[in-house]
Amino acid sequence: MEMDAMYEQLGIEKKVLEFGKEIEGLLSERFAAIDETAEYNQLKVIKAMQDNRVSDIHFAATTGYGYNDLGRDTLEDVYASVFHTESALVRPNLISGTHALHVALSGNLRPGDELLSPVGKPYDTLEEVIGIRESAGSLKEYGVIYRQVDLLPDGSFDFDGIAAAVGEKTKLVTIQRSKGYATRPTLSVERIGQLIAFIKERKPDVICMVDNCYGEFVERIEPADVGADMMVGSLIKNPGGGLAPIGGYIAGRKDCIDRASYRLTAPGLGREVGASLGLNQSFYQGLFLAPTVVAGALKGAVFAANVYEKLGFSVVPNSTESRHDIIQAVTFGKPEGVIAFCQGIQAAAPVDSFVTPEPWAMPGYDAPVIMAAGAFVQGASIELSADGPIKPPYAVYFQGGLTWYHAKLGILMSMQKLKDAGLITL
């Protein structure tokens, strides 16, 4: 067949391709459900753009201080409409999800305030922001107290522990939706809402912030729909749709967003300054495409879960569970599996496919990390990518794929590399 020959040219053996076809044939209902959610979210984005009267005038560039940047201000109104919040900050100078989280936290916390994580330890790069690992300029250095309550062994909330932890000084609760470098379940928006309601019953004035990275447009509702005061994410993940070259967002209550804006720029300036530098069209168009792009990434994640579960590996989520982010964890139990998987993802890339990724000591992490991402935008994990720390339980985290077809190729190539290394048999 012509299609099989094309895969063969890319280095996929017949046995690997046949294994993939068998799995794909079982997923038509799952894929149809993903497409239906994407259609709903696409309509939601279009309505937000129409309601805010988006025009080509909003794509014009500004420079310098960026006063009266109509495109920037309207884009932030669009984000607020999409996510059902009072306000939003959407800026190219929010350089990553970690930076956006730092701005949201430091803008809304003061010396002596307590920050509580009721879902265990946050993602590695946030440890130094908080001061769990010592770092210059951390919240700990500014007198912010940190407390966490771990999830129970089955992944459920420790409600008794959370009730005991919420006290007079608890100012802000941070809830990480996705799993990070852990093999716990991702939190559904419904579960996040239950947790927020529980906390607000005990302290109504506490600020509940959700790290929404990797979760946007996976479901029909977002954390702000279930009581989150702030939600934070990166534009080179889901909401940028693969077109945003940089940026992040913070959406939520107006007072929380205003305080974050004063931290991002300067007290007294806030969101009134910050030139868009010609990036607005990419931000608008990326948001427009995001529901469809996320659907492709989700199909890739579901395909990966089914493939590697059938091969005998532990996967989170498993092959049948509902999805609440685009990340698929696969536990290999040995570093060779993580490395071979990542090398397969890299070999399937349109950019730097000839590069062989190796583990290295990345800033912000406590163990060597291997990353595979032949991306058009450096570090864009809405594009086909995989990474993982080289430490037990030796799990790899796969995400992205601007199209389902590319995500499919990536998983097939990862299988091929594992087969070549003698780590799987078909």
Protein backbone atom coordinates (compact mmCIF):
# COMPACT_ATOMS: atom_id res chain seq x y z
CA MET A 1 0.00 0.00 0.00
CA GLU A 2 1.09 3.55 -0.72
CA MET A 3 0.58 4.65 2.91
CA ASP A 4 2.58 1.72 4.28
CA ALA A 5 5.41 2.53 1.88
CA MET A 6 5.46 6.11 3.17
CA TYR A 7 5.79 4.93 6.76
CA GLU A 8 8.53 2.53 5.66
CA GLN A 9 10.45 5.43 4.12
CA LEU A 10 10.31 7.13 7.52
CA GLY A 11 11.80 4.06 9.20
CA ILE A 12 8.70 2.27 10.56
CA GLU A 13 8.83 -1.52 10.16
CA LYS A 14 5.76 -3.46 9.05
CA LYS A 15 5.34 -5.18 12.44
CA VAL A 16 5.29 -1.84 14.25
CA LEU A 17 2.84 -0.34 11.76
CA GLU A 18 0.50 -3.34 11.96
CA PHE A 19 0.53 -3.16 15.77
CA GLY A 20 -0.40 0.53 15.57
CA LYS A 21 -3.20 -0.12 13.07
CA GLU A 22 -4.72 -2.73 15.36
CA ILE A 23 -4.81 -0.26 18.26
CA GLU A 24 -6.10 2.63 16.14
CA GLY A 25 -8.99 0.50 14.89
CA LEU A 26 -10.34 0.24 18.44
CA LEU A 27 -10.42 3.98 19.12
CA SER A 28 -13.07 5.39 16.78
CA GLU A 29 -15.58 6.12 19.56
CA ARG A 30 -12.95 7.82 21.76
CA PHE A 31 -11.80 9.93 18.83
CA ALA A 32 -15.37 10.94 17.97
CA ALA A 33 -15.93 12.15 21.54
CA ILE A 34 -12.71 14.20 21.38
CA ASP A 35 -13.86 15.78 18.11
CA GLU A 36 -17.21 16.70 19.64
CA THR A 37 -15.52 18.50 22.55
CA ALA A 38 -13.24 20.29 20.09
CA GLU A 39 -16.25 21.47 18.09
CA TYR A 40 -17.89 22.87 21.24
CA ASN A 41 -14.72 24.67 22.29
CA GLN A 42 -14.16 25.98 18.76
CA LEU A 43 -17.60 27.58 18.85
CA LYS A 44 -16.84 29.01 22.29
CA VAL A 45 -13.69 30.71 20.99
CA ILE A 46 -15.45 32.06 17.90
CA LYS A 47 -18.26 33.50 20.02
CA ALA A 48 -15.72 35.23 22.32
CA MET A 49 -14.00 36.79 19.31
CA GLN A 50 -17.30 37.90 17.80
CA ASP A 51 -18.58 39.30 21.10
CA ASN A 52 -15.40 41.38 21.44
CA ARG A 53 -15.63 42.57 17.82
CA VAL A 54 -12.18 41.34 16.77
CA SER A 55 -10.98 43.10 13.61
CA ASP A 56 -7.77 43.21 11.58
CA ILE A 57 -6.96 46.50 13.32
CA HIS A 58 -6.23 44.39 16.40
CA PHE A 59 -3.30 42.73 14.62
CA ALA A 60 -1.32 45.99 14.35
CA ALA A 61 2.03 46.17 16.14
CA THR A 62 2.91 48.61 18.92
CA THR A 63 6.35 49.52 20.26
CA GLY A 64 7.88 51.26 23.24
CA TYR A 65 5.53 51.62 26.18
CA GLY A 66 2.60 50.15 24.25
CA TYR A 67 0.07 52.66 25.52
CA ASN A 68 -3.42 52.20 24.05
CA ASP A 69 -2.54 48.87 22.42
CA LEU A 70 -6.04 48.03 21.21
CA GLY A 71 -5.07 44.56 19.99
CA ARG A 72 -3.48 43.58 23.30
CA ASP A 73 -6.39 44.89 25.36
CA THR A 74 -9.00 43.21 23.15
CA LEU A 75 -7.09 39.92 23.20
CA GLU A 76 -7.22 40.00 26.99
CA ASP A 77 -10.98 40.62 26.82
CA VAL A 78 -11.28 37.62 24.47
CA TYR A 79 -9.40 35.38 26.93
CA ALA A 80 -11.63 36.59 29.76
CA SER A 81 -14.69 35.76 27.63
CA VAL A 82 -13.40 32.30 26.65
CA PHE A 83 -12.51 31.37 30.23
CA HIS A 84 -15.50 33.16 31.84
CA THR A 85 -13.42 35.42 34.06
CA GLU A 86 -13.58 39.10 34.98
CA SER A 87 -10.16 39.92 33.58
CA ALA A 88 -7.06 38.47 31.95
CA LEU A 89 -3.39 39.25 31.42
CA VAL A 90 -2.05 37.82 28.12
CA ARG A 91 1.48 38.97 27.38
CA PRO A 92 4.58 38.00 25.41
CA ASN A 93 6.72 39.05 28.37
CA LEU A 94 5.20 36.22 30.41
CA ILE A 95 7.93 33.98 29.06
CA SER A 96 6.73 30.59 30.34
CA GLY A 97 4.17 28.87 32.49
CA THR A 98 6.56 28.99 35.45
CA HIS A 99 7.02 32.75 34.98
CA ALA A 100 3.26 33.32 34.76
CA LEU A 101 2.76 31.32 37.97
CA HIS A 102 5.51 33.30 39.70
CA VAL A 103 3.90 36.60 38.66
CA ALA A 104 0.47 35.44 39.87
CA LEU A 105 1.84 34.20 43.18
CA SER A 106 4.19 37.06 43.99
CA GLY A 107 1.61 39.63 42.92
CA ASN A 108 -0.96 38.28 45.35
CA LEU A 109 1.14 37.20 48.33
CA ARG A 110 2.75 39.42 50.98
CA PRO A 111 5.30 38.74 53.75
CA GLY A 112 3.75 36.57 56.42
CA ASP A 113 1.10 35.11 54.10
CA GLU A 114 0.83 31.35 53.75
CA LEU A 115 0.74 29.51 50.42
CA LEU A 116 -0.91 26.09 50.55
CA SER A 117 -0.71 23.28 48.00
CA PRO A 118 -3.43 20.71 48.79
CA VAL A 119 -2.35 18.41 45.95
CA GLY A 120 1.21 17.61 47.04
CA LYS A 121 4.49 18.95 45.73
CA PRO A 122 4.18 21.15 42.64
CA TYR A 123 6.07 20.83 39.36
CA ASP A 124 9.87 20.87 39.69
CA THR A 125 10.48 24.38 38.34
CA LEU A 126 8.05 25.86 40.88
CA GLU A 127 10.04 24.45 43.79
CA GLU A 128 12.65 27.21 43.49
CA VAL A 129 9.98 29.87 42.91
CA ILE A 130 8.39 28.90 46.23
CA GLY A 131 11.63 28.15 48.06
CA ILE A 132 11.11 24.43 48.63
CA ARG A 133 14.57 24.26 47.10
CA GLU A 134 16.63 27.28 48.09
CA SER A 135 16.92 29.88 45.35
CA ALA A 136 17.67 33.59 45.17
CA GLY A 137 14.49 35.65 44.98
CA SER A 138 12.14 32.86 46.06
CA LEU A 139 8.85 33.56 47.83
CA LYS A 140 10.45 32.12 50.97
CA GLU A 141 13.08 34.88 50.90
CA TYR A 142 10.23 37.41 50.88
CA GLY A 143 8.65 35.90 53.98
CA VAL A 144 5.95 33.76 52.36
CA ILE A 145 5.24 30.57 54.31
CA TYR A 146 4.65 27.36 52.36
CA ARG A 147 2.66 24.32 53.40
CA GLN A 148 1.50 21.29 51.44
CA VAL A 149 -0.88 18.41 51.96
CA ASP A 150 -0.06 15.33 49.93
CA LEU A 151 -2.67 13.37 48.03
CA LEU A 152 -3.69 10.06 49.54
CA PRO A 153 -2.10 6.90 48.06
CA ASP A 154 -5.09 6.37 45.75
CA GLY A 155 -4.77 9.91 44.35
CA SER A 156 -7.74 11.33 46.26
CA PHE A 157 -7.70 14.51 48.33
CA ASP A 158 -6.77 14.32 52.01
CA PHE A 159 -9.74 16.41 53.13
CA ASP A 160 -8.95 15.98 56.83
CA GLY A 161 -5.38 17.13 56.26
CA ILE A 162 -6.52 20.06 54.12
CA ALA A 163 -9.07 21.18 56.73
CA ALA A 164 -6.33 21.14 59.37
CA ALA A 165 -3.91 23.04 57.11
CA VAL A 166 -6.21 25.93 56.18
CA GLY A 167 -5.57 28.55 58.83
CA GLU A 168 -5.67 32.25 59.58
CA LYS A 169 -2.53 32.99 57.53
CA THR A 170 -3.58 30.93 54.49
CA LYS A 171 -3.84 33.57 51.76
CA LEU A 172 -3.56 31.57 48.54
CA VAL A 173 -4.13 27.94 47.56
CA THR A 174 -2.32 26.66 44.47
CA ILE A 175 -3.83 23.67 42.67
CA GLN A 176 -1.82 21.98 39.93
CA ARG A 177 -4.22 20.41 37.45
CA SER A 178 -1.70 18.30 35.55
CA LYS A 179 0.57 15.64 36.97
CA GLY A 180 4.01 17.22 36.40
CA TYR A 181 6.78 14.68 36.87
CA ALA A 182 4.55 12.40 38.93
CA THR A 183 2.39 9.44 38.05
CA ARG A 184 -0.69 10.69 39.89
CA PRO A 185 -3.96 11.22 38.02
CA THR A 186 -4.56 14.60 36.44
CA LEU A 187 -7.33 16.51 38.19
CA SER A 188 -10.59 16.91 36.33
CA VAL A 189 -12.25 20.32 36.40
CA GLU A 190 -15.08 18.74 38.40
CA ARG A 191 -12.67 17.50 41.08
CA ILE A 192 -10.95 20.89 41.17
CA GLY A 193 -14.36 22.46 41.79
CA GLN A 194 -15.03 20.08 44.68
CA LEU A 195 -11.68 20.95 46.24
CA ILE A 196 -12.22 24.70 45.85
CA ALA A 197 -15.71 24.47 47.38
CA PHE A 198 -14.32 22.52 50.36
CA ILE A 199 -11.57 25.09 50.96
CA LYS A 200 -13.87 28.11 50.50
CA GLU A 201 -16.29 26.68 53.08
CA ARG A 202 -13.49 26.91 55.62
CA LYS A 203 -12.00 30.23 54.48
CA PRO A 204 -14.17 32.12 51.99
CA ASP A 205 -11.62 34.88 51.33
CA VAL A 206 -8.76 32.56 50.33
CA ILE A 207 -7.54 32.95 46.74
CA CYS A 208 -7.69 29.68 44.80
CA MET A 209 -5.28 29.57 41.86
CA VAL A 210 -5.13 26.73 39.32
CA ASP A 211 -2.04 25.90 37.30
CA ASN A 212 -3.96 25.10 34.12
CA CYS A 213 -0.96 24.19 31.94
CA TYR A 214 -1.73 21.33 29.51
CA GLY A 215 -5.43 21.41 30.43
CA GLU A 216 -7.03 24.13 28.32
CA PHE A 217 -9.76 22.95 25.91
CA VAL A 218 -9.46 19.30 26.97
CA GLU A 219 -12.88 19.61 28.62
CA ARG A 220 -15.83 21.88 27.88
CA ILE A 221 -15.39 23.78 31.15
CA GLU A 222 -12.34 25.39 32.73
CA PRO A 223 -11.33 25.94 36.38
CA ALA A 224 -12.85 29.43 36.51
CA ASP A 225 -16.22 27.82 35.80
CA VAL A 226 -15.99 25.94 39.11
CA GLY A 227 -14.79 28.73 41.40
CA ALA A 228 -11.09 29.31 40.67
CA ASP A 229 -10.07 32.91 41.38
CA MET A 230 -7.10 32.67 39.00
CA MET A 231 -6.01 30.23 36.31
CA VAL A 232 -2.58 30.35 34.74
CA GLY A 233 -0.98 28.84 31.65
CA SER A 234 1.59 29.10 28.88
CA LEU A 235 0.85 30.16 25.31
CA ILE A 236 3.38 27.68 23.91
CA LYS A 237 1.16 24.96 25.32
CA ASN A 238 -2.54 24.48 24.56
CA PRO A 239 -4.01 27.98 24.13
CA GLY A 240 -1.33 29.21 21.70
CA GLY A 241 -2.41 26.59 19.16
CA GLY A 242 1.16 26.09 17.95
CA LEU A 243 1.35 29.62 16.51
CA ALA A 244 2.20 31.70 19.58
CA PRO A 245 6.01 32.01 19.63
CA ILE A 246 6.13 33.00 23.33
CA GLY A 247 3.81 34.15 26.08
CA GLY A 248 1.59 33.24 28.97
CA TYR A 249 -1.74 34.17 30.49
CA ILE A 250 -3.32 34.78 33.89
CA ALA A 251 -7.12 34.95 33.93
CA GLY A 252 -9.44 35.47 36.86
CA ARG A 253 -10.84 37.98 39.33
CA LYS A 254 -10.05 41.57 38.39
CA ASP A 255 -8.36 42.44 41.69
CA CYS A 256 -6.11 39.36 41.46
CA ILE A 257 -5.18 40.13 37.83
CA ASP A 258 -4.49 43.80 38.62
CA ARG A 259 -2.10 42.81 41.42
CA ALA A 260 -0.35 40.36 39.10
CA SER A 261 0.01 43.10 36.46
CA TYR A 262 1.77 45.38 38.97
CA ARG A 263 4.27 42.60 39.61
CA LEU A 264 4.76 41.95 35.90
CA THR A 265 5.48 45.61 35.05
CA ALA A 266 5.65 48.06 37.98
CA PRO A 267 3.39 49.46 40.71
CA GLY A 268 1.27 52.21 39.21
CA LEU A 269 1.81 50.97 35.65
CA GLY A 270 0.25 47.51 35.63
CA ARG A 271 -1.46 46.38 32.46
CA GLU A 272 -1.45 49.83 30.83
CA VAL A 273 2.04 49.24 29.40
CA GLY A 274 3.69 46.46 27.41
CA ALA A 275 4.00 46.64 23.64
CA SER A 276 2.74 43.67 21.62
CA LEU A 277 5.59 43.98 19.07
CA GLY A 278 3.60 42.51 16.17
CA LEU A 279 2.69 39.24 17.93
CA ASN A 280 -1.03 39.85 18.25
CA GLN A 281 -2.06 38.06 15.06
CA SER A 282 -0.21 34.90 16.12
CA PHE A 283 -1.88 35.07 19.53
CA TYR A 284 -5.38 35.51 18.09
CA GLN A 285 -4.96 32.91 15.36
CA GLY A 286 -3.32 30.44 17.72
CA LEU A 287 -6.23 30.74 20.14
CA PHE A 288 -8.63 30.22 17.25
CA LEU A 289 -6.85 26.99 16.24
CA ALA A 290 -6.27 25.76 19.80
CA PRO A 291 -9.36 23.53 20.22
CA THR A 292 -8.52 21.59 17.04
CA VAL A 293 -4.83 21.35 17.88
CA VAL A 294 -5.61 20.13 21.40
CA ALA A 295 -7.91 17.47 19.90
CA GLY A 296 -5.01 16.14 17.80
CA ALA A 297 -2.75 16.02 20.85
CA LEU A 298 -5.45 14.23 22.85
CA LYS A 299 -5.85 11.57 20.18
CA GLY A 300 -2.09 11.02 20.28
CA ALA A 301 -2.18 10.64 24.07
CA VAL A 302 -5.06 8.15 23.94
CA PHE A 303 -3.25 6.20 21.20
CA ALA A 304 -0.05 6.14 23.28
CA ALA A 305 -1.90 4.92 26.38
CA ASN A 306 -3.48 2.04 24.48
CA VAL A 307 -0.26 1.08 22.68
CA TYR A 308 1.97 0.99 25.74
CA GLU A 309 -0.60 -0.61 28.03
CA LYS A 310 -0.93 -3.46 25.55
CA LEU A 311 2.86 -3.74 25.53
CA GLY A 312 2.73 -4.32 29.29
CA PHE A 313 3.81 -0.96 30.69
CA SER A 314 2.08 1.05 33.40
CA VAL A 315 0.40 4.13 31.89
CA VAL A 316 -1.31 7.15 33.47
CA PRO A 317 -4.07 7.72 32.49
CA ASN A 318 -4.79 4.13 31.50
CA SER A 319 -6.26 3.13 28.15
CA THR A 320 -9.90 3.70 29.13
CA GLU A 321 -9.84 6.54 31.68
CA SER A 322 -11.25 9.99 30.90
CA ARG A 323 -8.73 12.66 29.86
CA HIS A 324 -8.17 15.95 31.65
CA ASP A 325 -4.90 17.09 30.10
CA ILE A 326 -2.80 16.24 27.04
CA ILE A 327 -0.01 14.46 28.94
CA GLN A 328 0.51 10.70 28.80
CA ALA A 329 2.86 9.10 31.32
CA VAL A 330 4.48 5.75 30.58
CA THR A 331 6.58 4.04 33.25
CA PHE A 332 9.45 1.93 31.90
CA GLY A 333 11.21 1.13 35.17
CA LYS A 334 14.63 1.61 33.61
CA PRO A 335 16.42 4.64 32.12
CA GLU A 336 16.99 2.91 28.77
CA GLY A 337 13.25 2.87 28.11
CA VAL A 338 12.87 6.61 28.76
CA ILE A 339 15.86 7.40 26.54
CA ALA A 340 14.74 5.17 23.64
CA PHE A 341 11.21 6.58 23.76
CA CYS A 342 12.48 10.18 23.62
CA GLN A 343 14.85 9.35 20.80
CA GLY A 344 11.91 7.96 18.83
CA ILE A 345 9.89 11.14 19.34
CA GLN A 346 12.86 13.23 18.19
CA ALA A 347 13.35 11.05 15.10
CA ALA A 348 9.73 11.72 14.10
CA ALA A 349 10.11 15.51 14.27
CA PRO A 350 9.98 17.90 11.30
CA VAL A 351 12.77 19.97 12.89
CA ASP A 352 16.07 18.51 14.16
CA SER A 353 15.02 14.92 13.44
CA PHE A 354 18.71 14.08 13.00
CA VAL A 355 19.54 15.07 16.59
CA THR A 356 19.88 12.39 19.28
CA PRO A 357 18.58 13.65 22.66
CA GLU A 358 20.54 12.73 25.77
CA PRO A 359 19.90 13.40 29.48
CA TRP A 360 21.47 16.58 30.91
CA ALA A 361 21.37 18.73 34.04
CA MET A 362 18.70 21.28 33.17
CA PRO A 363 18.28 24.39 35.36
CA GLY A 364 15.40 24.05 37.82
CA TYR A 365 15.45 20.24 38.06
CA ASP A 366 16.92 17.96 40.74
CA ALA A 367 17.93 15.13 38.37
CA PRO A 368 19.18 14.84 34.78
CA VAL A 369 16.33 15.33 32.33
CA ILE A 370 15.98 14.12 28.75
CA MET A 371 13.83 16.17 26.38
CA ALA A 372 12.74 15.43 22.84
CA ALA A 373 11.17 18.25 20.86
CA GLY A 374 11.82 18.92 17.21
CA ALA A 375 9.60 21.97 17.42
CA PHE A 376 9.07 25.11 15.37
CA VAL A 377 8.93 27.03 18.68
CA GLN A 378 11.64 26.17 21.18
CA GLY A 379 10.17 24.31 24.14
CA ALA A 380 6.62 24.31 22.75
CA SER A 381 5.05 21.28 24.37
CA ILE A 382 1.84 21.61 22.37
CA GLU A 383 4.09 20.38 19.57
CA LEU A 384 5.13 16.73 19.56
CA SER A 385 7.44 16.32 22.54
CA ALA A 386 8.45 13.98 25.34
CA ASP A 387 10.58 14.37 28.42
CA GLY A 388 11.31 12.83 31.76
CA PRO A 389 13.74 12.88 34.69
CA ILE A 390 16.30 10.11 34.79
CA LYS A 391 15.31 8.85 38.22
CA PRO A 392 12.94 6.17 39.56
CA PRO A 393 10.34 5.15 38.53
CA TYR A 394 11.83 6.09 35.12
CA ALA A 395 8.64 7.44 33.60
CA VAL A 396 8.42 9.41 30.37
CA TYR A 397 5.86 12.14 29.75
CA PHE A 398 4.54 12.43 26.19
CA GLN A 399 2.46 15.35 24.97
CA GLY A 400 1.53 17.42 21.98
CA GLY A 401 1.37 17.00 18.26
CA LEU A 402 -0.05 19.85 16.18
CA THR A 403 -1.89 17.19 14.19
CA TRP A 404 -3.08 13.68 15.06
CA TYR A 405 -1.07 12.28 12.18
CA HIS A 406 2.18 13.64 13.56
CA ALA A 407 1.37 12.38 17.05
CA LYS A 408 0.66 8.94 15.58
CA LEU A 409 4.00 8.91 13.76
CA GLY A 410 5.77 9.89 16.98
CA ILE A 411 4.32 6.96 18.91
CA LEU A 412 5.10 4.51 16.11
CA MET A 413 8.68 5.80 15.98
CA SER A 414 9.02 5.48 19.76
CA MET A 415 7.93 1.84 19.45
CA GLN A 416 10.46 1.33 16.66
CA LYS A 417 13.32 2.66 18.81
CA LEU A 418 12.29 0.50 21.76
CA LYS A 419 12.10 -2.52 19.49
CA ASP A 420 15.52 -1.76 17.99
CA ALA A 421 16.95 -1.52 21.54
CA GLY A 422 15.47 -4.90 22.46
CA LEU A 423 13.18 -3.34 25.07
CA ILE A 424 9.92 -4.59 23.50
CA THR A 425 8.91 -7.49 21.28
CA LEU A 426 5.93 -7.52 18.93
